[in-house]
């Protein structure tokens, strides 16, 4: 993907994926080396106030092999 290109993909109802410029493209599998669930992060930080703001929604931050953020999965 280009350096200035952000793509939104919504193949499933209530699930959206934002491909950030560092993402090599959805046709390439196995590019995510680490995922961080926002809900889990808030729990680890003891931020129940932020958990309440999420409601039933959640976000998963996907990082590539170099540790850079390459995509965001939004679960509505």
Protein backbone atom coordinates (compact mmCIF):
# COMPACT_ATOMS: atom_id res chain seq x y z
CA UNK A 1 0.00 0.00 0.00
CA UNK A 2 1.13 3.55 -0.61
CA UNK A 3 2.59 5.70 2.14
CA UNK A 4 -0.39 8.05 2.16
CA UNK A 5 -3.17 5.50 1.70
CA UNK A 6 -5.69 4.41 4.33
CA UNK A 7 -8.33 1.86 3.35
CA UNK A 8 -11.48 0.87 5.22
CA UNK A 9 -12.80 -2.66 4.71
CA UNK A 10 -16.21 -3.77 5.96
CA UNK A 11 -16.72 -7.36 4.81
CA UNK A 12 -18.75 -8.40 7.84
CA UNK A 13 -21.60 -6.66 9.61
CA UNK A 14 -20.28 -4.72 12.60
CA UNK A 15 -16.63 -5.51 11.82
CA UNK A 16 -14.47 -2.93 10.09
CA UNK A 17 -10.76 -3.01 9.32
CA UNK A 18 -8.67 0.09 8.72
CA UNK A 19 -5.53 -0.64 6.66
CA UNK A 20 -2.94 1.96 7.63
CA UNK A 21 -0.15 3.10 5.27
CA UNK A 22 2.38 0.66 6.83
CA UNK A 23 0.15 -2.33 5.94
CA UNK A 24 1.50 -4.28 2.94
CA UNK A 25 -2.02 -5.14 1.74
CA UNK A 26 -4.87 -7.49 2.58
CA UNK A 27 -3.84 -9.96 -0.13
CA UNK A 28 -0.68 -10.76 1.87
CA UNK A 29 -1.32 -13.14 4.77
CA UNK A 30 0.62 -13.42 8.02
CA UNK A 31 1.75 -9.78 8.23
CA UNK A 32 0.42 -9.21 11.76
CA UNK A 33 2.98 -10.22 14.39
CA UNK A 34 1.19 -8.81 17.45
CA UNK A 35 -2.33 -7.66 18.27
CA UNK A 36 -3.42 -5.56 21.22
CA UNK A 37 -7.08 -5.52 22.21
CA UNK A 38 -8.06 -2.07 23.48
CA UNK A 39 -10.40 -3.58 26.08
CA UNK A 40 -7.54 -5.68 27.52
CA UNK A 41 -5.27 -2.65 27.63
CA UNK A 42 -7.87 -0.67 29.60
CA UNK A 43 -8.27 -3.59 32.04
CA UNK A 44 -4.49 -3.77 32.54
CA UNK A 45 -4.41 -0.02 33.23
CA UNK A 46 -7.36 -0.26 35.64
CA UNK A 47 -9.34 2.22 33.53
CA UNK A 48 -12.90 1.04 34.08
CA UNK A 49 -14.07 4.52 33.06
CA UNK A 50 -12.72 3.93 29.55
CA UNK A 51 -14.18 0.42 29.47
CA UNK A 52 -17.60 1.89 30.10
CA UNK A 53 -17.14 4.29 27.20
CA UNK A 54 -16.49 1.36 24.85
CA UNK A 55 -19.79 -0.29 25.73
CA UNK A 56 -20.08 -3.41 23.57
CA UNK A 57 -17.58 -2.10 21.00
CA UNK A 58 -13.89 -2.92 20.91
CA UNK A 59 -10.82 -2.25 18.81
CA UNK A 60 -7.84 -4.46 18.04
CA UNK A 61 -4.56 -2.78 17.16
CA UNK A 62 -2.45 -4.87 14.75
CA UNK A 63 1.33 -4.45 14.58
CA UNK A 64 3.73 -5.73 11.94
CA UNK A 65 7.07 -7.47 12.44
CA UNK A 66 8.82 -4.13 13.03
CA UNK A 67 6.36 -3.26 15.84
CA UNK A 68 4.68 -0.50 13.85
CA UNK A 69 0.90 -0.17 13.81
CA UNK A 70 -0.37 -1.47 10.46
CA UNK A 71 -4.10 -1.84 11.00
CA UNK A 72 -7.04 -1.37 13.33
CA UNK A 73 -9.98 -3.78 13.58
CA UNK A 74 -13.15 -2.10 14.85
CA UNK A 75 -15.79 -4.36 16.39
CA UNK A 76 -19.07 -2.51 16.65
